[in-house]
Amino acid sequence: MTPDLVLSIFHQALEVIVVLILVLLIPSLIVGLLVAMFQAATQINEMTLSFIPKILVTLAVLMIAGPWMLQLLIDYTERLIHNIPSFIG
């Protein structure tokens, strides 16, 4: 295995990881921003008010996008395993 091949595999793995993280993180950030604006408008400073909606949105996204996320991981792993002979020789 050449260093270029290792870097290519690492780059592909990072791309998959970033996509999976962003799918979960972006909805949570949007809900957190909306709750923060609501808290600023009403002057309610309750910590659980921002925590619970973010958890619920994250769980909902996992339920909706979970199969797609799992398929993305499976596809990457299958490509990696099928390419092992070409990596070796």
PDB file of N, CA and C in Angstrom:
ATOM      1  N   MET A   1       0.834  -1.179   0.000  1.00  0.00           N
ATOM      2  CA  MET A   1       0.000   0.000   0.000  1.00  0.00           C
ATOM      3  C   MET A   1       0.880   1.243   0.000  1.00  0.00           C
ATOM      4  N   THR A   2       0.552   2.110  -0.895  1.00  0.00           N
ATOM      5  CA  THR A   2       1.309   3.356  -0.991  1.00  0.00           C
ATOM      6  C   THR A   2       0.695   4.400  -0.057  1.00  0.00           C
ATOM      7  N   PRO A   3       1.484   5.400   0.290  1.00  0.00           N
ATOM      8  CA  PRO A   3       0.935   6.480   1.129  1.00  0.00           C
ATOM      9  C   PRO A   3      -0.245   7.198   0.472  1.00  0.00           C
ATOM     10  N   ASP A   4      -0.220   7.314  -0.859  1.00  0.00           N
ATOM     11  CA  ASP A   4      -1.333   7.955  -1.556  1.00  0.00           C
ATOM     12  C   ASP A   4      -2.620   7.150  -1.397  1.00  0.00           C
ATOM     13  N   LEU A   5      -2.510   5.835  -1.446  1.00  0.00           N
ATOM     14  CA  LEU A   5      -3.674   4.975  -1.280  1.00  0.00           C
ATOM     15  C   LEU A   5      -4.234   5.091   0.136  1.00  0.00           C
ATOM     16  N   VAL A   6      -3.358   5.110   1.118  1.00  0.00           N
ATOM     17  CA  VAL A   6      -3.786   5.250   2.510  1.00  0.00           C
ATOM     18  C   VAL A   6      -4.494   6.589   2.708  1.00  0.00           C
ATOM     19  N   LEU A   7      -3.935   7.652   2.147  1.00  0.00           N
ATOM     20  CA  LEU A   7      -4.562   8.968   2.261  1.00  0.00           C
ATOM     21  C   LEU A   7      -5.910   9.010   1.553  1.00  0.00           C
ATOM     22  N   SER A   8      -6.019   8.314   0.441  1.00  0.00           N
ATOM     23  CA  SER A   8      -7.283   8.263  -0.281  1.00  0.00           C
ATOM     24  C   SER A   8      -8.358   7.543   0.540  1.00  0.00           C
ATOM     25  N   ILE A   9      -7.999   6.430   1.139  1.00  0.00           N
ATOM     26  CA  ILE A   9      -8.946   5.691   1.992  1.00  0.00           C
ATOM     27  C   ILE A   9      -9.344   6.546   3.189  1.00  0.00           C
ATOM     28  N   PHE A  10      -8.376   7.206   3.785  1.00  0.00           N
ATOM     29  CA  PHE A  10      -8.647   8.072   4.936  1.00  0.00           C
ATOM     30  C   PHE A  10      -9.558   9.227   4.534  1.00  0.00           C
ATOM     31  N   HIS A  11      -9.327   9.805   3.371  1.00  0.00           N
ATOM     32  CA  HIS A  11     -10.142  10.909   2.871  1.00  0.00           C
ATOM     33  C   HIS A  11     -11.592  10.461   2.662  1.00  0.00           C
ATOM     34  N   GLN A  12     -11.779   9.289   2.074  1.00  0.00           N
ATOM     35  CA  GLN A  12     -13.132   8.766   1.867  1.00  0.00           C
ATOM     36  C   GLN A  12     -13.830   8.500   3.203  1.00  0.00           C
ATOM     37  N   ALA A  13     -13.092   7.972   4.160  1.00  0.00           N
ATOM     38  CA  ALA A  13     -13.668   7.704   5.481  1.00  0.00           C
ATOM     39  C   ALA A  13     -14.086   9.009   6.155  1.00  0.00           C
ATOM     40  N   LEU A  14     -13.262  10.044   6.044  1.00  0.00           N
ATOM     41  CA  LEU A  14     -13.606  11.330   6.631  1.00  0.00           C
ATOM     42  C   LEU A  14     -14.843  11.935   5.973  1.00  0.00           C
ATOM     43  N   GLU A  15     -14.968  11.764   4.662  1.00  0.00           N
ATOM     44  CA  GLU A  15     -16.154  12.278   3.974  1.00  0.00           C
ATOM     45  C   GLU A  15     -17.420  11.606   4.496  1.00  0.00           C
ATOM     46  N   VAL A  16     -17.367  10.296   4.674  1.00  0.00           N
ATOM     47  CA  VAL A  16     -18.529   9.565   5.190  1.00  0.00           C
ATOM     48  C   VAL A  16     -18.850  10.031   6.604  1.00  0.00           C
ATOM     49  N   ILE A  17     -17.841  10.191   7.434  1.00  0.00           N
ATOM     50  CA  ILE A  17     -18.052  10.620   8.814  1.00  0.00           C
ATOM     51  C   ILE A  17     -18.659  12.009   8.869  1.00  0.00           C
ATOM     52  N   VAL A  18     -18.152  12.923   8.053  1.00  0.00           N
ATOM     53  CA  VAL A  18     -18.671  14.293   8.051  1.00  0.00           C
ATOM     54  C   VAL A  18     -20.135  14.316   7.617  1.00  0.00           C
ATOM     55  N   VAL A  19     -20.475  13.563   6.599  1.00  0.00           N
ATOM     56  CA  VAL A  19     -21.875  13.515   6.143  1.00  0.00           C
ATOM     57  C   VAL A  19     -22.770  12.971   7.256  1.00  0.00           C
ATOM     58  N   LEU A  20     -22.348  11.909   7.912  1.00  0.00           N
ATOM     59  CA  LEU A  20     -23.164  11.317   8.978  1.00  0.00           C
ATOM     60  C   LEU A  20     -23.328  12.272  10.157  1.00  0.00           C
ATOM     61  N   ILE A  21     -22.283  12.989  10.490  1.00  0.00           N
ATOM     62  CA  ILE A  21     -22.362  13.932  11.610  1.00  0.00           C
ATOM     63  C   ILE A  21     -23.251  15.116  11.261  1.00  0.00           C
ATOM     64  N   LEU A  22     -23.100  15.638  10.037  1.00  0.00           N
ATOM     65  CA  LEU A  22     -23.889  16.805   9.642  1.00  0.00           C
ATOM     66  C   LEU A  22     -25.380  16.496   9.588  1.00  0.00           C
ATOM     67  N   VAL A  23     -25.735  15.275   9.209  1.00  0.00           N
ATOM     68  CA  VAL A  23     -27.148  14.890   9.165  1.00  0.00           C
ATOM     69  C   VAL A  23     -27.768  15.006  10.557  1.00  0.00           C
ATOM     70  N   LEU A  24     -27.017  14.701  11.584  1.00  0.00           N
ATOM     71  CA  LEU A  24     -27.525  14.804  12.949  1.00  0.00           C
ATOM     72  C   LEU A  24     -27.357  16.197  13.538  1.00  0.00           C
ATOM     73  N   LEU A  25     -26.280  16.863  13.194  1.00  0.00           N
ATOM     74  CA  LEU A  25     -25.928  18.114  13.846  1.00  0.00           C
ATOM     75  C   LEU A  25     -26.732  19.310  13.343  1.00  0.00           C
ATOM     76  N   ILE A  26     -26.975  19.397  12.055  1.00  0.00           N
ATOM     77  CA  ILE A  26     -27.646  20.575  11.494  1.00  0.00           C
ATOM     78  C   ILE A  26     -29.075  20.745  12.037  1.00  0.00           C
ATOM     79  N   PRO A  27     -29.914  19.705  12.047  1.00  0.00           N
ATOM     80  CA  PRO A  27     -31.256  19.913  12.639  1.00  0.00           C
ATOM     81  C   PRO A  27     -31.205  20.301  14.115  1.00  0.00           C
ATOM     82  N   SER A  28     -30.267  19.723  14.843  1.00  0.00           N
ATOM     83  CA  SER A  28     -30.130  20.058  16.256  1.00  0.00           C
ATOM     84  C   SER A  28     -29.704  21.516  16.434  1.00  0.00           C
ATOM     85  N   LEU A  29     -28.805  21.989  15.587  1.00  0.00           N
ATOM     86  CA  LEU A  29     -28.385  23.388  15.671  1.00  0.00           C
ATOM     87  C   LEU A  29     -29.524  24.338  15.331  1.00  0.00           C
ATOM     88  N   ILE A  30     -30.324  23.988  14.334  1.00  0.00           N
ATOM     89  CA  ILE A  30     -31.459  24.839  13.954  1.00  0.00           C
ATOM     90  C   ILE A  30     -32.468  24.924  15.087  1.00  0.00           C
ATOM     91  N   VAL A  31     -32.795  23.783  15.689  1.00  0.00           N
ATOM     92  CA  VAL A  31     -33.737  23.783  16.810  1.00  0.00           C
ATOM     93  C   VAL A  31     -33.151  24.546  17.992  1.00  0.00           C
ATOM     94  N   GLY A  32     -31.872  24.386  18.251  1.00  0.00           N
ATOM     95  CA  GLY A  32     -31.233  25.131  19.335  1.00  0.00           C
ATOM     96  C   GLY A  32     -31.301  26.633  19.110  1.00  0.00           C
ATOM     97  N   LEU A  33     -31.122  27.059  17.871  1.00  0.00           N
ATOM     98  CA  LEU A  33     -31.213  28.483  17.546  1.00  0.00           C
ATOM     99  C   LEU A  33     -32.640  28.998  17.736  1.00  0.00           C
ATOM    100  N   LEU A  34     -33.622  28.225  17.286  1.00  0.00           N
ATOM    101  CA  LEU A  34     -35.016  28.636  17.456  1.00  0.00           C
ATOM    102  C   LEU A  34     -35.399  28.723  18.933  1.00  0.00           C
ATOM    103  N   VAL A  35     -34.976  27.759  19.726  1.00  0.00           N
ATOM    104  CA  VAL A  35     -35.272  27.778  21.156  1.00  0.00           C
ATOM    105  C   VAL A  35     -34.558  28.946  21.826  1.00  0.00           C
ATOM    106  N   ALA A  36     -33.330  29.223  21.423  1.00  0.00           N
ATOM    107  CA  ALA A  36     -32.592  30.351  22.000  1.00  0.00           C
ATOM    108  C   ALA A  36     -33.282  31.673  21.673  1.00  0.00           C
ATOM    109  N   MET A  37     -33.808  31.802  20.451  1.00  0.00           N
ATOM    110  CA  MET A  37     -34.540  33.028  20.107  1.00  0.00           C
ATOM    111  C   MET A  37     -35.818  33.137  20.930  1.00  0.00           C
ATOM    112  N   PHE A  38     -36.506  32.006  21.135  1.00  0.00           N
ATOM    113  CA  PHE A  38     -37.701  32.004  21.978  1.00  0.00           C
ATOM    114  C   PHE A  38     -37.352  32.394  23.412  1.00  0.00           C
ATOM    115  N   GLN A  39     -36.251  31.857  23.923  1.00  0.00           N
ATOM    116  CA  GLN A  39     -35.834  32.182  25.286  1.00  0.00           C
ATOM    117  C   GLN A  39     -35.456  33.649  25.412  1.00  0.00           C
ATOM    118  N   ALA A  40     -34.804  34.186  24.395  1.00  0.00           N
ATOM    119  CA  ALA A  40     -34.428  35.599  24.440  1.00  0.00           C
ATOM    120  C   ALA A  40     -35.662  36.489  24.377  1.00  0.00           C
ATOM    121  N   ALA A  41     -36.655  36.090  23.587  1.00  0.00           N
ATOM    122  CA  ALA A  41     -37.864  36.902  23.453  1.00  0.00           C
ATOM    123  C   ALA A  41     -38.705  36.878  24.723  1.00  0.00           C
ATOM    124  N   THR A  42     -38.754  35.723  25.388  1.00  0.00           N
ATOM    125  CA  THR A  42     -39.590  35.589  26.581  1.00  0.00           C
ATOM    126  C   THR A  42     -38.799  35.757  27.871  1.00  0.00           C
ATOM    127  N   GLN A  43     -37.515  35.880  27.796  1.00  0.00           N
ATOM    128  CA  GLN A  43     -36.613  36.011  28.949  1.00  0.00           C
ATOM    129  C   GLN A  43     -36.734  34.826  29.911  1.00  0.00           C
ATOM    130  N   ILE A  44     -36.958  33.647  29.344  1.00  0.00           N
ATOM    131  CA  ILE A  44     -36.974  32.416  30.126  1.00  0.00           C
ATOM    132  C   ILE A  44     -35.588  31.786  29.999  1.00  0.00           C
ATOM    133  N   ASN A  45     -34.918  31.572  31.121  1.00  0.00           N
ATOM    134  CA  ASN A  45     -33.566  31.014  31.092  1.00  0.00           C
ATOM    135  C   ASN A  45     -33.551  29.633  31.744  1.00  0.00           C
ATOM    136  N   GLU A  46     -34.260  28.713  31.151  1.00  0.00           N
ATOM    137  CA  GLU A  46     -34.318  27.350  31.661  1.00  0.00           C
ATOM    138  C   GLU A  46     -33.431  26.455  30.792  1.00  0.00           C
ATOM    139  N   MET A  47     -32.504  25.738  31.407  1.00  0.00           N
ATOM    140  CA  MET A  47     -31.558  24.914  30.659  1.00  0.00           C
ATOM    141  C   MET A  47     -32.244  23.746  29.951  1.00  0.00           C
ATOM    142  N   THR A  48     -33.214  23.127  30.601  1.00  0.00           N
ATOM    143  CA  THR A  48     -33.864  21.968  29.987  1.00  0.00           C
ATOM    144  C   THR A  48     -34.729  22.364  28.800  1.00  0.00           C
ATOM    145  N   LEU A  49     -35.118  23.622  28.725  1.00  0.00           N
ATOM    146  CA  LEU A  49     -35.935  24.080  27.607  1.00  0.00           C
ATOM    147  C   LEU A  49     -35.167  23.993  26.293  1.00  0.00           C
ATOM    148  N   SER A  50     -33.864  24.159  26.339  1.00  0.00           N
ATOM    149  CA  SER A  50     -33.085  24.035  25.108  1.00  0.00           C
ATOM    150  C   SER A  50     -32.570  22.612  24.893  1.00  0.00           C
ATOM    151  N   PHE A  51     -32.413  21.857  25.967  1.00  0.00           N
ATOM    152  CA  PHE A  51     -31.842  20.525  25.869  1.00  0.00           C
ATOM    153  C   PHE A  51     -32.845  19.499  25.336  1.00  0.00           C
ATOM    154  N   ILE A  52     -34.035  19.495  25.861  1.00  0.00           N
ATOM    155  CA  ILE A  52     -35.026  18.472  25.503  1.00  0.00           C
ATOM    156  C   ILE A  52     -35.441  18.545  24.033  1.00  0.00           C
ATOM    157  N   PRO A  53     -35.753  19.732  23.471  1.00  0.00           N
ATOM    158  CA  PRO A  53     -36.106  19.751  22.044  1.00  0.00           C
ATOM    159  C   PRO A  53     -34.974  19.267  21.138  1.00  0.00           C
ATOM    160  N   LYS A  54     -33.731  19.589  21.492  1.00  0.00           N
ATOM    161  CA  LYS A  54     -32.608  19.122  20.668  1.00  0.00           C
ATOM    162  C   LYS A  54     -32.484  17.605  20.711  1.00  0.00           C
ATOM    163  N   ILE A  55     -32.689  17.016  21.879  1.00  0.00           N
ATOM    164  CA  ILE A  55     -32.635  15.554  21.997  1.00  0.00           C
ATOM    165  C   ILE A  55     -33.758  14.921  21.186  1.00  0.00           C
ATOM    166  N   LEU A  56     -34.964  15.488  21.281  1.00  0.00           N
ATOM    167  CA  LEU A  56     -36.100  14.931  20.547  1.00  0.00           C
ATOM    168  C   LEU A  56     -35.894  15.031  19.036  1.00  0.00           C
ATOM    169  N   VAL A  57     -35.348  16.153  18.575  1.00  0.00           N
ATOM    170  CA  VAL A  57     -35.093  16.312  17.140  1.00  0.00           C
ATOM    171  C   VAL A  57     -34.006  15.340  16.692  1.00  0.00           C
ATOM    172  N   THR A  58     -32.980  15.171  17.494  1.00  0.00           N
ATOM    173  CA  THR A  58     -31.913  14.232  17.144  1.00  0.00           C
ATOM    174  C   THR A  58     -32.458  12.804  17.054  1.00  0.00           C
ATOM    175  N   LEU A  59     -33.308  12.421  17.989  1.00  0.00           N
ATOM    176  CA  LEU A  59     -33.913  11.086  17.936  1.00  0.00           C
ATOM    177  C   LEU A  59     -34.817  10.934  16.708  1.00  0.00           C
ATOM    178  N   ALA A  60     -35.581  11.979  16.389  1.00  0.00           N
ATOM    179  CA  ALA A  60     -36.448  11.918  15.217  1.00  0.00           C
ATOM    180  C   ALA A  60     -35.629  11.794  13.935  1.00  0.00           C
ATOM    181  N   VAL A  61     -34.540  12.536  13.852  1.00  0.00           N
ATOM    182  CA  VAL A  61     -33.671  12.448  12.669  1.00  0.00           C
ATOM    183  C   VAL A  61     -33.051  11.062  12.576  1.00  0.00           C
ATOM    184  N   LEU A  62     -32.648  10.502  13.711  1.00  0.00           N
ATOM    185  CA  LEU A  62     -32.100   9.144  13.703  1.00  0.00           C
ATOM    186  C   LEU A  62     -33.132   8.127  13.225  1.00  0.00           C
ATOM    187  N   MET A  63     -34.375   8.311  13.633  1.00  0.00           N
ATOM    188  CA  MET A  63     -35.417   7.373  13.201  1.00  0.00           C
ATOM    189  C   MET A  63     -35.712   7.521  11.713  1.00  0.00           C
ATOM    190  N   ILE A  64     -35.701   8.760  11.221  1.00  0.00           N
ATOM    191  CA  ILE A  64     -36.020   9.002   9.812  1.00  0.00           C
ATOM    192  C   ILE A  64     -34.835   8.685   8.909  1.00  0.00           C
ATOM    193  N   ALA A  65     -33.656   9.192   9.261  1.00  0.00           N
ATOM    194  CA  ALA A  65     -32.484   9.044   8.393  1.00  0.00           C
ATOM    195  C   ALA A  65     -31.605   7.857   8.773  1.00  0.00           C
ATOM    196  N   GLY A  66     -31.956   7.138   9.820  1.00  0.00           N
ATOM    197  CA  GLY A  66     -31.148   6.008  10.270  1.00  0.00           C
ATOM    198  C   GLY A  66     -30.886   4.958   9.212  1.00  0.00           C
ATOM    199  N   PRO A  67     -31.927   4.501   8.505  1.00  0.00           N
ATOM    200  CA  PRO A  67     -31.667   3.500   7.459  1.00  0.00           C
ATOM    201  C   PRO A  67     -30.734   3.998   6.361  1.00  0.00           C
ATOM    202  N   TRP A  68     -30.892   5.258   5.974  1.00  0.00           N
ATOM    203  CA  TRP A  68     -29.999   5.826   4.958  1.00  0.00           C
ATOM    204  C   TRP A  68     -28.570   5.916   5.484  1.00  0.00           C
ATOM    205  N   MET A  69     -28.416   6.332   6.739  1.00  0.00           N
ATOM    206  CA  MET A  69     -27.086   6.445   7.337  1.00  0.00           C
ATOM    207  C   MET A  69     -26.419   5.073   7.416  1.00  0.00           C
ATOM    208  N   LEU A  70     -27.187   4.075   7.818  1.00  0.00           N
ATOM    209  CA  LEU A  70     -26.648   2.717   7.897  1.00  0.00           C
ATOM    210  C   LEU A  70     -26.258   2.206   6.523  1.00  0.00           C
ATOM    211  N   GLN A  71     -27.081   2.486   5.513  1.00  0.00           N
ATOM    212  CA  GLN A  71     -26.762   2.055   4.151  1.00  0.00           C
ATOM    213  C   GLN A  71     -25.500   2.733   3.639  1.00  0.00           C
ATOM    214  N   LEU A  72     -25.312   4.005   3.994  1.00  0.00           N
ATOM    215  CA  LEU A  72     -24.094   4.717   3.607  1.00  0.00           C
ATOM    216  C   LEU A  72     -22.852   4.046   4.203  1.00  0.00           C
ATOM    217  N   LEU A  73     -22.935   3.669   5.469  1.00  0.00           N
ATOM    218  CA  LEU A  73     -21.819   2.971   6.117  1.00  0.00           C
ATOM    219  C   LEU A  73     -21.582   1.596   5.504  1.00  0.00           C
ATOM    220  N   ILE A  74     -22.655   0.891   5.214  1.00  0.00           N
ATOM    221  CA  ILE A  74     -22.526  -0.441   4.611  1.00  0.00           C
ATOM    222  C   ILE A  74     -21.892  -0.340   3.230  1.00  0.00           C
ATOM    223  N   ASP A  75     -22.332   0.630   2.421  1.00  0.00           N
ATOM    224  CA  ASP A  75     -21.759   0.812   1.084  1.00  0.00           C
ATOM    225  C   ASP A  75     -20.269   1.114   1.151  1.00  0.00           C
ATOM    226  N   TYR A  76     -19.879   2.001   2.072  1.00  0.00           N
ATOM    227  CA  TYR A  76     -18.464   2.331   2.211  1.00  0.00           C
ATOM    228  C   TYR A  76     -17.661   1.097   2.629  1.00  0.00           C
ATOM    229  N   THR A  77     -18.185   0.357   3.587  1.00  0.00           N
ATOM    230  CA  THR A  77     -17.472  -0.830   4.067  1.00  0.00           C
ATOM    231  C   THR A  77     -17.359  -1.891   2.976  1.00  0.00           C
ATOM    232  N   GLU A  78     -18.430  -2.090   2.214  1.00  0.00           N
ATOM    233  CA  GLU A  78     -18.383  -3.069   1.122  1.00  0.00           C
ATOM    234  C   GLU A  78     -17.355  -2.669   0.058  1.00  0.00           C
ATOM    235  N   ARG A  79     -17.337  -1.380  -0.303  1.00  0.00           N
ATOM    236  CA  ARG A  79     -16.333  -0.914  -1.276  1.00  0.00           C
ATOM    237  C   ARG A  79     -14.924  -1.152  -0.754  1.00  0.00           C
ATOM    238  N   LEU A  80     -14.730  -0.878   0.522  1.00  0.00           N
ATOM    239  CA  LEU A  80     -13.407  -1.059   1.119  1.00  0.00           C
ATOM    240  C   LEU A  80     -13.010  -2.532   1.115  1.00  0.00           C
ATOM    241  N   ILE A  81     -13.926  -3.408   1.481  1.00  0.00           N
ATOM    242  CA  ILE A  81     -13.617  -4.840   1.525  1.00  0.00           C
ATOM    243  C   ILE A  81     -13.395  -5.401   0.123  1.00  0.00           C
ATOM    244  N   HIS A  82     -14.212  -4.985  -0.836  1.00  0.00           N
ATOM    245  CA  HIS A  82     -14.059  -5.485  -2.210  1.00  0.00           C
ATOM    246  C   HIS A  82     -12.768  -5.000  -2.859  1.00  0.00           C
ATOM    247  N   ASN A  83     -12.249  -3.879  -2.407  1.00  0.00           N
ATOM    248  CA  ASN A  83     -11.015  -3.343  -2.976  1.00  0.00           C
ATOM    249  C   ASN A  83      -9.745  -3.829  -2.285  1.00  0.00           C
ATOM    250  N   ILE A  84      -9.865  -4.686  -1.289  1.00  0.00           N
ATOM    251  CA  ILE A  84      -8.676  -5.188  -0.580  1.00  0.00           C
ATOM    252  C   ILE A  84      -7.689  -5.880  -1.528  1.00  0.00           C
ATOM    253  N   PRO A  85      -8.137  -6.746  -2.463  1.00  0.00           N
ATOM    254  CA  PRO A  85      -7.163  -7.362  -3.362  1.00  0.00           C
ATOM    255  C   PRO A  85      -6.382  -6.344  -4.202  1.00  0.00           C
ATOM    256  N   SER A  86      -7.055  -5.287  -4.634  1.00  0.00           N
ATOM    257  CA  SER A  86      -6.325  -4.280  -5.418  1.00  0.00           C
ATOM    258  C   SER A  86      -5.412  -3.436  -4.531  1.00  0.00           C
ATOM    259  N   PHE A  87      -5.731  -3.314  -3.255  1.00  0.00           N
ATOM    260  CA  PHE A  87      -4.866  -2.570  -2.332  1.00  0.00           C
ATOM    261  C   PHE A  87      -3.567  -3.349  -2.088  1.00  0.00           C
ATOM    262  N   ILE A  88      -3.679  -4.665  -2.003  1.00  0.00           N
ATOM    263  CA  ILE A  88      -2.527  -5.490  -1.684  1.00  0.00           C
ATOM    264  C   ILE A  88      -1.573  -5.604  -2.880  1.00  0.00           C
ATOM    265  N   GLY A  89      -2.133  -5.880  -4.018  1.00  0.00           N
ATOM    266  CA  GLY A  89      -1.251  -6.138  -5.149  1.00  0.00           C
ATOM    267  C   GLY A  89      -1.582  -5.268  -6.277  1.00  0.00           C
TER     268      GLY A  89
END
